[in-house]
C-alpha atoms as a PDB file:
ATOM      1  CA  MET A   1       0.740  40.844 -70.883  1.00  0.00           C
ATOM      2  CA  THR A   2      -0.596  43.183 -67.455  1.00  0.00           C
ATOM      3  CA  ARG A   3      -4.069  45.242 -67.880  1.00  0.00           C
ATOM      4  CA  ARG A   4      -3.061  48.734 -67.211  1.00  0.00           C
ATOM      5  CA  THR A   5      -4.974  50.157 -64.456  1.00  0.00           C
ATOM      6  CA  THR A   6      -7.093  53.357 -64.438  1.00  0.00           C
ATOM      7  CA  PRO A   7      -4.171  56.171 -62.020  1.00  0.00           C
ATOM      8  CA  ILE A   8      -5.772  55.623 -58.156  1.00  0.00           C
ATOM      9  CA  PHE A   9      -5.380  59.436 -57.830  1.00  0.00           C
ATOM     10  CA  ILE A  10      -8.142  59.491 -61.220  1.00  0.00           C
ATOM     11  CA  ILE A  11     -10.993  57.809 -59.789  1.00  0.00           C
ATOM     12  CA  TYR A  12     -10.694  59.769 -56.629  1.00  0.00           C
ATOM     13  CA  LEU A  13     -10.449  62.392 -58.403  1.00  0.00           C
ATOM     14  CA  ILE A  14     -13.827  61.593 -60.535  1.00  0.00           C
ATOM     15  CA  TYR A  15     -15.337  60.982 -57.116  1.00  0.00           C
ATOM     16  CA  THR A  16     -14.780  63.948 -55.639  1.00  0.00           C
ATOM     17  CA  ALA A  17     -16.189  65.830 -58.957  1.00  0.00           C
ATOM     18  CA  ALA A  18     -19.017  64.661 -58.301  1.00  0.00           C
ATOM     19  CA  LEU A  19     -19.639  64.799 -54.416  1.00  0.00           C
ATOM     20  CA  ALA A  20     -19.759  68.261 -55.186  1.00  0.00           C
ATOM     21  CA  MET A  21     -21.431  68.622 -58.366  1.00  0.00           C
ATOM     22  CA  THR A  22     -24.538  66.634 -56.186  1.00  0.00           C
ATOM     23  CA  THR A  23     -23.849  68.558 -53.561  1.00  0.00           C
ATOM     24  CA  ALA A  24     -24.441  71.516 -54.886  1.00  0.00           C
ATOM     25  CA  LEU A  25     -27.096  70.540 -56.351  1.00  0.00           C
ATOM     26  CA  LEU A  26     -28.755  69.370 -52.700  1.00  0.00           C
ATOM     27  CA  VAL A  27     -27.111  73.476 -51.799  1.00  0.00           C
ATOM     28  CA  PHE A  28     -29.343  74.849 -54.884  1.00  0.00           C
ATOM     29  CA  TRP A  29     -32.104  72.851 -54.004  1.00  0.00           C
ATOM     30  CA  VAL A  30     -32.628  73.713 -51.174  1.00  0.00           C
ATOM     31  CA  LEU A  31     -32.210  77.563 -51.937  1.00  0.00           C
ATOM     32  CA  VAL A  32     -34.193  77.629 -54.449  1.00  0.00           C
ATOM     33  CA  VAL A  33     -37.444  75.334 -52.782  1.00  0.00           C
ATOM     34  CA  HIS A  34     -36.075  77.716 -49.619  1.00  0.00           C
ATOM     35  CA  ARG A  35     -36.736  81.014 -51.844  1.00  0.00           C
ATOM     36  CA  PHE A  36     -40.334  80.216 -53.362  1.00  0.00           C
ATOM     37  CA  THR A  37     -42.102  79.198 -50.131  1.00  0.00           C
ATOM     38  CA  PRO A  38     -44.588  81.267 -50.740  1.00  0.00           C
ATOM     39  CA  GLU A  39     -45.910  80.788 -54.215  1.00  0.00           C
ATOM     40  CA  ILE A  40     -45.737  76.915 -53.724  1.00  0.00           C
ATOM     41  CA  ASN A  41     -47.446  76.533 -50.665  1.00  0.00           C
ATOM     42  CA  GLU A  42     -49.782  79.006 -52.866  1.00  0.00           C
ATOM     43  CA  LEU A  43     -49.751  76.337 -55.818  1.00  0.00           C
ATOM     44  CA  ILE A  44     -50.594  73.344 -53.949  1.00  0.00           C
ATOM     45  CA  GLY A  45     -53.891  74.772 -52.572  1.00  0.00           C
ATOM     46  CA  ARG A  46     -54.851  75.742 -55.439  1.00  0.00           C
ATOM     47  CA  VAL A  47     -54.115  72.657 -56.993  1.00  0.00           C
ATOM     48  CA  GLY A  48     -55.238  70.716 -53.897  1.00  0.00           C
ATOM     49  CA  GLY A  49     -58.223  72.941 -52.601  1.00  0.00           C
ATOM     50  CA  VAL A  50     -56.185  72.938 -48.976  1.00  0.00           C
ATOM     51  CA  GLU A  51     -54.154  74.901 -47.334  1.00  0.00           C
ATOM     52  CA  TRP A  52     -51.017  73.852 -45.860  1.00  0.00           C
ATOM     53  CA  ASN A  53     -48.304  76.603 -45.029  1.00  0.00           C
ATOM     54  CA  HIS A  54     -45.968  73.736 -44.172  1.00  0.00           C
ATOM     55  CA  PHE A  55     -46.057  71.527 -47.171  1.00  0.00           C
ATOM     56  CA  HIS A  56     -42.313  73.674 -48.912  1.00  0.00           C
ATOM     57  CA  TRP A  57     -41.020  71.461 -45.701  1.00  0.00           C
ATOM     58  CA  PHE A  58     -41.947  68.170 -46.747  1.00  0.00           C
ATOM     59  CA  ILE A  59     -40.738  68.682 -50.290  1.00  0.00           C
ATOM     60  CA  GLN A  60     -37.120  70.036 -49.468  1.00  0.00           C
ATOM     61  CA  SER A  61     -37.177  66.598 -47.113  1.00  0.00           C
ATOM     62  CA  THR A  62     -38.082  64.635 -49.798  1.00  0.00           C
ATOM     63  CA  GLY A  63     -35.399  66.173 -52.439  1.00  0.00           C
ATOM     64  CA  ALA A  64     -32.270  66.453 -49.412  1.00  0.00           C
ATOM     65  CA  GLY A  65     -33.758  62.362 -49.161  1.00  0.00           C
ATOM     66  CA  LEU A  66     -33.084  61.399 -53.151  1.00  0.00           C
ATOM     67  CA  PHE A  67     -29.613  63.811 -53.141  1.00  0.00           C
ATOM     68  CA  PHE A  68     -28.322  62.027 -50.007  1.00  0.00           C
ATOM     69  CA  LEU A  69     -29.001  58.515 -51.318  1.00  0.00           C
ATOM     70  CA  VAL A  70     -27.065  59.510 -54.698  1.00  0.00           C
ATOM     71  CA  ILE A  71     -24.280  60.506 -52.199  1.00  0.00           C
ATOM     72  CA  VAL A  72     -24.491  57.179 -50.401  1.00  0.00           C
ATOM     73  CA  ALA A  73     -24.824  55.374 -54.249  1.00  0.00           C
ATOM     74  CA  LEU A  74     -21.790  56.906 -55.217  1.00  0.00           C
ATOM     75  CA  THR A  75     -19.871  55.900 -51.839  1.00  0.00           C
ATOM     76  CA  TYR A  76     -20.404  52.857 -52.552  1.00  0.00           C
ATOM     77  CA  LEU A  77     -19.161  52.382 -56.327  1.00  0.00           C
ATOM     78  CA  LEU A  78     -16.240  54.019 -55.007  1.00  0.00           C
ATOM     79  CA  ALA A  79     -15.811  51.062 -52.383  1.00  0.00           C
ATOM     80  CA  ILE A  80     -16.790  48.897 -55.146  1.00  0.00           C
ATOM     81  CA  THR A  81     -15.120  50.054 -58.021  1.00  0.00           C
ATOM     82  CA  LEU A  82     -11.710  50.430 -55.321  1.00  0.00           C
ATOM     83  CA  SER A  83     -12.656  46.364 -54.431  1.00  0.00           C
ATOM     84  CA  GLU A  84     -12.061  45.682 -57.778  1.00  0.00           C
ATOM     85  CA  ARG A  85      -9.052  47.728 -59.115  1.00  0.00           C
ATOM     86  CA  ARG A  86      -7.180  45.360 -55.951  1.00  0.00           C
ATOM     87  CA  TYR A  87      -8.738  42.411 -56.942  1.00  0.00           C
ATOM     88  CA  ARG A  88      -7.101  43.068 -60.484  1.00  0.00           C
ATOM     89  CA  VAL A  89      -3.817  44.088 -59.300  1.00  0.00           C
ATOM     90  CA  LYS A  90      -3.611  41.356 -57.500  1.00  0.00           C
ATOM     91  CA  GLN A  91      -4.849  39.443 -60.497  1.00  0.00           C
ATOM     92  CA  ASP A  92      -1.760  41.420 -62.099  1.00  0.00           C
ATOM     93  CA  HIS A  93       0.521  40.006 -59.291  1.00  0.00           C
ATOM     94  CA  PHE A  94      -0.581  36.816 -59.431  1.00  0.00           C
ATOM     95  CA  LEU A  95      -0.124  35.869 -63.493  1.00  0.00           C
ATOM     96  CA  SER A  96       3.502  36.932 -62.783  1.00  0.00           C
ATOM     97  CA  ASN A  97       4.241  35.274 -60.067  1.00  0.00           C
ATOM     98  CA  VAL A  98       2.904  31.639 -62.520  1.00  0.00           C
ATOM     99  CA  THR A  99       4.644  32.871 -65.125  1.00  0.00           C
ATOM    100  CA  HIS A 100       8.055  33.501 -62.831  1.00  0.00           C
ATOM    101  CA  GLU A 101       7.221  30.014 -61.407  1.00  0.00           C
ATOM    102  CA  LEU A 102       6.631  28.146 -64.781  1.00  0.00           C
ATOM    103  CA  LYS A 103       9.160  29.523 -66.296  1.00  0.00           C
ATOM    104  CA  SER A 104      12.412  28.924 -63.549  1.00  0.00           C
ATOM    105  CA  PRO A 105      11.151  25.139 -63.521  1.00  0.00           C
ATOM    106  CA  VAL A 106      11.253  24.970 -67.133  1.00  0.00           C
ATOM    107  CA  ALA A 107      14.630  26.622 -67.611  1.00  0.00           C
ATOM    108  CA  ALA A 108      16.031  24.048 -65.754  1.00  0.00           C
ATOM    109  CA  ILE A 109      14.726  20.581 -67.689  1.00  0.00           C
ATOM    110  CA  GLN A 110      15.625  22.242 -70.403  1.00  0.00           C
ATOM    111  CA  LEU A 111      19.093  22.920 -69.253  1.00  0.00           C
ATOM    112  CA  GLN A 112      19.037  18.906 -68.139  1.00  0.00           C
ATOM    113  CA  ALA A 113      17.667  17.481 -71.331  1.00  0.00           C
ATOM    114  CA  GLN A 114      20.247  19.585 -72.716  1.00  0.00           C
ATOM    115  CA  THR A 115      22.989  18.538 -70.907  1.00  0.00           C
ATOM    116  CA  LEU A 116      21.853  14.504 -71.537  1.00  0.00           C
ATOM    117  CA  GLN A 117      22.584  15.120 -74.478  1.00  0.00           C
ATOM    118  CA  HIS A 118      25.888  14.377 -74.230  1.00  0.00           C
ATOM    119  CA  THR A 119      27.040  11.157 -74.634  1.00  0.00           C
ATOM    120  CA  ASP A 120      30.531  12.142 -72.517  1.00  0.00           C
ATOM    121  CA  LEU A 121      28.567  12.564 -69.016  1.00  0.00           C
ATOM    122  CA  ASN A 122      29.261   9.469 -66.817  1.00  0.00           C
ATOM    123  CA  ALA A 123      26.415   6.695 -65.118  1.00  0.00           C
ATOM    124  CA  ARG A 124      26.596   9.272 -62.452  1.00  0.00           C
ATOM    125  CA  GLU A 125      25.610  12.817 -64.125  1.00  0.00           C
ATOM    126  CA  VAL A 126      23.097  10.740 -66.123  1.00  0.00           C
ATOM    127  CA  ALA A 127      21.447  10.317 -62.595  1.00  0.00           C
ATOM    128  CA  GLN A 128      21.689  13.719 -61.418  1.00  0.00           C
ATOM    129  CA  CYS A 129      20.375  15.437 -64.414  1.00  0.00           C
ATOM    130  CA  ALA A 130      17.327  12.179 -64.320  1.00  0.00           C
ATOM    131  CA  ASP A 131      16.796  13.350 -60.301  1.00  0.00           C
ATOM    132  CA  LEU A 132      16.622  17.042 -61.073  1.00  0.00           C
ATOM    133  CA  ILE A 133      14.251  17.070 -64.174  1.00  0.00           C
ATOM    134  CA  VAL A 134      11.779  14.947 -62.443  1.00  0.00           C
ATOM    135  CA  GLU A 135      12.292  17.029 -59.233  1.00  0.00           C
ATOM    136  CA  GLN A 136      11.032  20.391 -61.307  1.00  0.00           C
ATOM    137  CA  THR A 137       8.311  18.133 -63.704  1.00  0.00           C
ATOM    138  CA  ALA A 138       7.097  18.231 -59.716  1.00  0.00           C
ATOM    139  CA  ARG A 139       7.614  21.197 -59.279  1.00  0.00           C
ATOM    140  CA  ILE A 140       5.233  22.132 -62.326  1.00  0.00           C
ATOM    141  CA  GLY A 141       2.423  19.919 -61.452  1.00  0.00           C
ATOM    142  CA  THR A 142       2.060  21.145 -58.338  1.00  0.00           C
ATOM    143  CA  LEU A 143       1.817  24.199 -59.556  1.00  0.00           C
ATOM    144  CA  VAL A 144      -0.780  22.815 -62.098  1.00  0.00           C
ATOM    145  CA  ASP A 145      -2.577  21.059 -59.281  1.00  0.00           C
ATOM    146  CA  ASN A 146      -3.382  24.429 -57.175  1.00  0.00           C
ATOM    147  CA  LEU A 147      -4.446  25.926 -60.465  1.00  0.00           C
ATOM    148  CA  LEU A 148      -6.832  22.972 -60.978  1.00  0.00           C
ATOM    149  CA  GLU A 149      -7.840  22.986 -57.777  1.00  0.00           C
ATOM    150  CA  THR A 150      -8.974  26.731 -56.968  1.00  0.00           C
ATOM    151  CA  GLY A 151     -10.660  26.616 -59.981  1.00  0.00           C
ATOM    152  CA  ARG A 152     -12.358  23.905 -58.468  1.00  0.00           C
ATOM    153  CA  LEU A 153     -13.564  25.536 -55.048  1.00  0.00           C
ATOM    154  CA  ALA A 154     -14.512  29.307 -56.950  1.00  0.00           C
ATOM    155  CA  SER A 155     -17.130  26.364 -59.173  1.00  0.00           C
ATOM    156  CA  SER A 156     -18.127  25.052 -56.225  1.00  0.00           C
ATOM    157  CA  MET A 157     -17.705  21.456 -56.771  1.00  0.00           C
ATOM    158  CA  SER A 158     -17.413  19.341 -53.691  1.00  0.00           C
ATOM    159  CA  SER A 159     -15.164  16.434 -53.295  1.00  0.00           C
ATOM    160  CA  GLU A 160     -16.913  13.414 -52.021  1.00  0.00           C
ATOM    161  CA  LEU A 161     -16.241  12.921 -48.914  1.00  0.00           C
ATOM    162  CA  ARG A 162     -15.464   9.063 -47.346  1.00  0.00           C
ATOM    163  CA  PRO A 163     -14.144   8.082 -43.833  1.00  0.00           C
ATOM    164  CA  ILE A 164      -9.836   7.711 -43.174  1.00  0.00           C
ATOM    165  CA  ARG A 165      -8.533   7.393 -40.009  1.00  0.00           C
ATOM    166  CA  LEU A 166      -6.471   9.457 -39.257  1.00  0.00           C
ATOM    167  CA  GLY A 167      -3.466   8.034 -37.393  1.00  0.00           C
ATOM    168  CA  GLU A 168      -3.284   5.665 -40.556  1.00  0.00           C
ATOM    169  CA  PHE A 169      -3.261   8.095 -43.336  1.00  0.00           C
ATOM    170  CA  PHE A 170       0.181  10.510 -41.376  1.00  0.00           C
ATOM    171  CA  ARG A 171       1.709   6.985 -40.534  1.00  0.00           C
ATOM    172  CA  GLU A 172       1.524   7.080 -44.306  1.00  0.00           C
ATOM    173  CA  TYR A 173       2.358  10.906 -45.288  1.00  0.00           C
ATOM    174  CA  GLN A 174       4.931  11.642 -43.190  1.00  0.00           C
ATOM    175  CA  GLU A 175       6.909   8.919 -45.521  1.00  0.00           C
ATOM    176  CA  ILE A 176       5.491  10.962 -48.598  1.00  0.00           C
ATOM    177  CA  VAL A 177       5.829  14.637 -47.450  1.00  0.00           C
ATOM    178  CA  ARG A 178       9.921  12.848 -46.432  1.00  0.00           C
ATOM    179  CA  ASN A 179      10.331  13.231 -49.710  1.00  0.00           C
ATOM    180  CA  ARG A 180       8.283  15.816 -51.348  1.00  0.00           C
ATOM    181  CA  PHE A 181      10.439  19.203 -49.622  1.00  0.00           C
ATOM    182  CA  ASP A 182      13.635  19.427 -48.712  1.00  0.00           C
ATOM    183  CA  PHE A 183      14.563  18.921 -45.360  1.00  0.00           C
ATOM    184  CA  ARG A 184      18.207  19.134 -45.109  1.00  0.00           C
ATOM    185  CA  GLU A 185      18.636  22.301 -43.172  1.00  0.00           C
ATOM    186  CA  ILE A 186      15.577  22.660 -41.217  1.00  0.00           C
ATOM    187  CA  ASP A 187      14.338  19.485 -38.370  1.00  0.00           C
ATOM    188  CA  LEU A 188      10.779  18.105 -39.413  1.00  0.00           C
ATOM    189  CA  LYS A 189       8.872  17.242 -35.821  1.00  0.00           C
ATOM    190  CA  VAL A 190       5.485  14.894 -36.683  1.00  0.00           C
ATOM    191  CA  GLU A 191       4.216  13.759 -33.983  1.00  0.00           C
ATOM    192  CA  ILE A 192       1.109  11.996 -33.753  1.00  0.00           C
ATOM    193  CA  GLN A 193      -1.563  11.226 -30.897  1.00  0.00           C
ATOM    194  CA  SER A 194      -4.961  10.386 -33.133  1.00  0.00           C
ATOM    195  CA  ARG A 195      -8.014   7.470 -33.555  1.00  0.00           C
ATOM    196  CA  SER A 196      -9.917   9.598 -34.868  1.00  0.00           C
ATOM    197  CA  VAL A 197     -11.842   9.370 -38.205  1.00  0.00           C
ATOM    198  CA  VAL A 198     -12.781  12.099 -40.218  1.00  0.00           C
ATOM    199  CA  MET A 199     -14.864  11.926 -43.166  1.00  0.00           C
ATOM    200  CA  ALA A 200     -11.792  13.356 -46.301  1.00  0.00           C
ATOM    201  CA  THR A 201     -10.182  12.427 -48.959  1.00  0.00           C
ATOM    202  CA  SER A 202      -7.076  11.582 -48.315  1.00  0.00           C
ATOM    203  CA  GLU A 203      -6.267  13.696 -51.630  1.00  0.00           C
ATOM    204  CA  SER A 204      -7.715  17.124 -49.555  1.00  0.00           C
ATOM    205  CA  LEU A 205      -5.594  16.167 -46.205  1.00  0.00           C
ATOM    206  CA  GLN A 206      -2.446  15.533 -48.168  1.00  0.00           C
ATOM    207  CA  ARG A 207      -2.655  19.024 -50.623  1.00  0.00           C
ATOM    208  CA  ILE A 208      -3.617  21.241 -46.910  1.00  0.00           C
ATOM    209  CA  LEU A 209      -0.547  19.876 -45.213  1.00  0.00           C
ATOM    210  CA  ASP A 210       1.675  20.322 -48.685  1.00  0.00           C
ATOM    211  CA  ASN A 211       0.646  23.965 -48.373  1.00  0.00           C
ATOM    212  CA  LEU A 212       0.732  24.445 -45.080  1.00  0.00           C
ATOM    213  CA  ILE A 213       4.813  22.585 -45.184  1.00  0.00           C
ATOM    214  CA  ASP A 214       5.492  24.580 -48.368  1.00  0.00           C
ATOM    215  CA  ASN A 215       3.862  27.817 -46.532  1.00  0.00           C
ATOM    216  CA  ALA A 216       6.170  27.061 -43.798  1.00  0.00           C
ATOM    217  CA  LEU A 217       8.668  26.319 -45.271  1.00  0.00           C
ATOM    218  CA  ARG A 218       9.188  29.415 -47.739  1.00  0.00           C
ATOM    219  CA  PHE A 219       9.321  31.736 -43.662  1.00  0.00           C
ATOM    220  CA  THR A 220      12.074  29.044 -41.655  1.00  0.00           C
ATOM    221  CA  HIS A 221      15.902  29.498 -41.683  1.00  0.00           C
ATOM    222  CA  ALA A 222      18.484  27.296 -42.304  1.00  0.00           C
ATOM    223  CA  GLY A 223      18.540  25.793 -38.907  1.00  0.00           C
ATOM    224  CA  GLY A 224      14.895  25.821 -37.691  1.00  0.00           C
ATOM    225  CA  ARG A 225      11.461  23.512 -36.965  1.00  0.00           C
ATOM    226  CA  ILE A 226       8.844  22.656 -38.463  1.00  0.00           C
ATOM    227  CA  LEU A 227       6.070  20.886 -36.017  1.00  0.00           C
ATOM    228  CA  LEU A 228       3.167  18.686 -37.810  1.00  0.00           C
ATOM    229  CA  ARG A 229       0.791  17.681 -35.125  1.00  0.00           C
ATOM    230  CA  VAL A 230      -2.223  15.039 -35.103  1.00  0.00           C
ATOM    231  CA  SER A 231      -4.681  15.101 -32.080  1.00  0.00           C
ATOM    232  CA  ASP A 232      -7.657  13.745 -30.156  1.00  0.00           C
ATOM    233  CA  ARG A 233     -10.074  16.517 -29.419  1.00  0.00           C
ATOM    234  CA  GLU A 234     -13.571  15.879 -27.601  1.00  0.00           C
ATOM    235  CA  GLY A 235     -15.601  16.056 -30.769  1.00  0.00           C
ATOM    236  CA  GLU A 236     -12.898  17.119 -33.255  1.00  0.00           C
ATOM    237  CA  THR A 237      -9.679  16.710 -34.438  1.00  0.00           C
ATOM    238  CA  GLU A 238      -7.549  19.321 -33.862  1.00  0.00           C
ATOM    239  CA  ILE A 239      -3.832  19.642 -36.508  1.00  0.00           C
ATOM    240  CA  VAL A 240      -1.084  21.890 -36.393  1.00  0.00           C
ATOM    241  CA  VAL A 241       1.602  22.813 -37.978  1.00  0.00           C
ATOM    242  CA  SER A 242       4.075  25.272 -36.927  1.00  0.00           C
ATOM    243  CA  ASP A 243       7.223  26.728 -37.486  1.00  0.00           C
ATOM    244  CA  ASP A 244       9.689  29.313 -35.332  1.00  0.00           C
ATOM    245  CA  GLY A 245      10.122  31.713 -38.836  1.00  0.00           C
ATOM    246  CA  VAL A 246      10.026  34.897 -38.757  1.00  0.00           C
ATOM    247  CA  GLY A 247       6.276  35.235 -38.296  1.00  0.00           C
ATOM    248  CA  ILE A 248       3.054  37.589 -39.644  1.00  0.00           C
ATOM    249  CA  PRO A 249       2.197  41.178 -39.170  1.00  0.00           C
ATOM    250  CA  LYS A 250      -0.889  41.250 -36.880  1.00  0.00           C
ATOM    251  CA  THR A 251      -2.279  43.152 -39.934  1.00  0.00           C
ATOM    252  CA  GLU A 252      -1.590  40.862 -41.720  1.00  0.00           C
ATOM    253  CA  LEU A 253      -3.234  38.062 -40.581  1.00  0.00           C
ATOM    254  CA  THR A 254      -6.241  38.532 -40.910  1.00  0.00           C
ATOM    255  CA  ARG A 255      -5.465  38.497 -45.133  1.00  0.00           C
ATOM    256  CA  VAL A 256      -3.556  35.567 -45.144  1.00  0.00           C
ATOM    257  CA  PHE A 257      -6.076  33.154 -46.524  1.00  0.00           C
ATOM    258  CA  ASP A 258      -6.812  35.563 -49.281  1.00  0.00           C
ATOM    259  CA  ARG A 259      -7.019  34.684 -52.818  1.00  0.00           C
ATOM    260  CA  PHE A 260      -3.795  36.380 -54.561  1.00  0.00           C
ATOM    261  CA  HIS A 261      -2.599  37.877 -51.490  1.00  0.00           C
ATOM    262  CA  ARG A 262       1.360  37.560 -50.421  1.00  0.00           C
ATOM    263  CA  LEU A 263       2.822  38.989 -47.428  1.00  0.00           C
ATOM    264  CA  GLN A 264       4.945  42.121 -48.048  1.00  0.00           C
ATOM    265  CA  ARG A 265       7.734  40.334 -46.380  1.00  0.00           C
ATOM    266  CA  GLU A 266       7.218  37.867 -48.743  1.00  0.00           C
ATOM    267  CA  VAL A 267       7.017  40.029 -51.317  1.00  0.00           C
ATOM    268  CA  ASP A 268      10.346  42.573 -50.460  1.00  0.00           C
ATOM    269  CA  GLU A 269      12.025  39.255 -49.744  1.00  0.00           C
ATOM    270  CA  ARG A 270      11.307  38.148 -53.403  1.00  0.00           C
ATOM    271  CA  ARG A 271      10.465  34.617 -51.843  1.00  0.00           C
ATOM    272  CA  LYS A 272       8.998  32.078 -54.661  1.00  0.00           C
ATOM    273  CA  GLY A 273       4.962  32.001 -54.126  1.00  0.00           C
ATOM    274  CA  THR A 274       1.596  31.854 -56.346  1.00  0.00           C
ATOM    275  CA  GLY A 275      -1.335  33.191 -53.282  1.00  0.00           C
ATOM    276  CA  LEU A 276      -2.792  30.380 -53.693  1.00  0.00           C
ATOM    277  CA  GLY A 277      -1.452  28.405 -51.232  1.00  0.00           C
ATOM    278  CA  LEU A 278      -3.054  29.272 -47.965  1.00  0.00           C
ATOM    279  CA  ASN A 279      -6.309  30.520 -50.035  1.00  0.00           C
ATOM    280  CA  ILE A 280      -6.959  26.557 -51.413  1.00  0.00           C
ATOM    281  CA  VAL A 281      -5.768  25.498 -47.874  1.00  0.00           C
ATOM    282  CA  ARG A 282      -9.109  27.347 -45.993  1.00  0.00           C
ATOM    283  CA  GLY A 283     -11.385  26.553 -49.473  1.00  0.00           C
ATOM    284  CA  LEU A 284     -10.229  22.785 -48.429  1.00  0.00           C
ATOM    285  CA  VAL A 285     -10.963  22.909 -44.758  1.00  0.00           C
ATOM    286  CA  LYS A 286     -13.995  24.535 -45.447  1.00  0.00           C
ATOM    287  CA  GLU A 287     -14.881  21.442 -47.522  1.00  0.00           C
ATOM    288  CA  LEU A 288     -14.413  19.122 -45.117  1.00  0.00           C
ATOM    289  CA  ARG A 289     -16.581  20.824 -42.185  1.00  0.00           C
ATOM    290  CA  GLY A 290     -13.908  22.447 -40.680  1.00  0.00           C
ATOM    291  CA  GLN A 291     -12.100  25.652 -39.515  1.00  0.00           C
ATOM    292  CA  ILE A 292      -8.532  27.099 -39.778  1.00  0.00           C
ATOM    293  CA  ARG A 293      -6.892  29.964 -37.826  1.00  0.00           C
ATOM    294  CA  ALA A 294      -3.753  31.656 -38.495  1.00  0.00           C
ATOM    295  CA  ILE A 295      -2.012  32.445 -34.844  1.00  0.00           C
ATOM    296  CA  SER A 296       1.809  34.841 -34.824  1.00  0.00           C
ATOM    297  CA  GLY A 297       3.178  36.977 -32.402  1.00  0.00           C
ATOM    298  CA  ASP A 298       3.307  40.653 -34.169  1.00  0.00           C
ATOM    299  CA  GLY A 299       6.809  41.076 -33.871  1.00  0.00           C
ATOM    300  CA  GLN A 300       7.788  37.410 -32.792  1.00  0.00           C
ATOM    301  CA  PRO A 301       8.830  34.720 -34.397  1.00  0.00           C
ATOM    302  CA  GLY A 302       7.014  31.572 -35.610  1.00  0.00           C
ATOM    303  CA  THR A 303       3.835  30.926 -37.106  1.00  0.00           C
ATOM    304  CA  ARG A 304       0.672  28.148 -36.479  1.00  0.00           C
ATOM    305  CA  PHE A 305      -1.536  26.918 -38.230  1.00  0.00           C
ATOM    306  CA  GLU A 306      -4.665  24.904 -36.365  1.00  0.00           C
ATOM    307  CA  ILE A 307      -7.212  23.081 -37.959  1.00  0.00           C
ATOM    308  CA  ARG A 308     -10.229  21.450 -36.060  1.00  0.00           C
ATOM    309  CA  LEU A 309     -11.697  18.651 -38.415  1.00  0.00           C
ATOM    310  CA  PRO A 310     -15.111  16.736 -36.977  1.00  0.00           C
ATOM    311  CA  LYS A 311     -14.938  13.641 -36.254  1.00  0.00           C
ATOM    312  CA  ALA A 312     -17.315  10.764 -37.382  1.00  0.00           C
ATOM    313  CA  SER A 313     -18.269   8.278 -36.062  1.00  0.00           C
ATOM    314  CA  GLU A 314     -16.449   4.816 -35.913  1.00  0.00           C
ATOM    315  CA  GLU A 315     -18.895   2.498 -37.671  1.00  0.00           C
ATOM    316  CA  SER A 316     -18.023   4.645 -40.387  1.00  0.00           C
ATOM    317  CA  ALA A 317     -14.883   3.712 -41.011  1.00  0.00           C
ATOM    318  CA  PRO A 318     -13.116   1.180 -43.231  1.00  0.00           C
ATOM    319  CA  HIS A 319     -12.228  -2.268 -41.505  1.00  0.00           C
ATOM    320  CA  ASP A 320      -8.928  -2.451 -40.549  1.00  0.00           C
ATOM    321  CA  SER A 321      -7.835  -5.232 -38.536  1.00  0.00           C
ATOM    322  CA  ARG A 322      -4.065  -3.348 -37.452  1.00  0.00           C
ATOM    323  CA  LYS A 323      -4.361  -2.194 -33.983  1.00  0.00           C
ATOM    324  CA  TYR A 324      -2.809   1.371 -33.314  1.00  0.00           C
ATOM    325  CA  ASP A 325      -0.094   2.311 -30.804  1.00  0.00           C
ATOM    326  CA  GLU A 326      -1.805   4.448 -28.783  1.00  0.00           C
ATOM    327  CA  GLN A 327       1.201   5.978 -27.222  1.00  0.00           C
ATOM    328  CA  GLU A 328       2.740   9.499 -29.326  1.00  0.00           C
ATOM    329  CA  THR A 329       4.440   8.403 -32.394  1.00  0.00           C
ATOM    330  CA  ARG A 330       7.520  11.122 -33.372  1.00  0.00           C
ATOM    331  CA  SER A 331       9.887  10.858 -36.157  1.00  0.00           C
END
């Protein structure tokens, strides 16, 4: 159920009214002090025993300063209120998206299960129904995992990092990713040029790549290409996921990693998504003590995500008797 949100014009109306009242009080204060300047100076002289003909300026300046602080406080409250309102709107959209993302696979599973109840299905049809149920169940599992991961990152619960050889990890992952995603109309190219060891977990690396590839698939048209590359740099390792899809407007590049944020183009075209994937990616990369950035030419096709992870020492890596080929591995 969507919560009622205060209309933005009412927020601005309240702020304008409060600002007008404060400004009016400030003007009134200045006029009153100016009108009774002789009386104020005379009163201070009687009370303090010292003649001070400029004391009214002190009172006037102090009052003006206090009213100025009130105006600053009102403006700060306005900014906080608008920020919270935007966050609530994003949360409402997020809940709506999650509900939709859950209803679709649940409905598909229910339909296939009802189909399996019929006894006149042949073995091929039963297998097709079972495959669809498994596929939609995995879709629900991914969504639940993302929700749990978001909660863990928000609570600052850290994972225990261990040394991982990226060459070995990516050779195994390229098989996993082809089974997890549908690349029938999109070409996935994997380039492995790394012998580095990084401090991470297999789960965090896989979740980072899954979310980036899922994001690339949603914005890449049929016949397009997605590149996944890992290569060594001096003191660090670079992981790149790029596509030749629709790209990201420059005005939204700085916000793509915000929680609940969805691109306006994504909303307009009714593409699926919850606005959590890239936020999770940024949180996990930060947890691995790395950096991530998104690159996209304004109005140009394609988006490129670059991740830089610090290398760990070879001594910390688990012993592996296999020899890794130094040449570039492609698939």
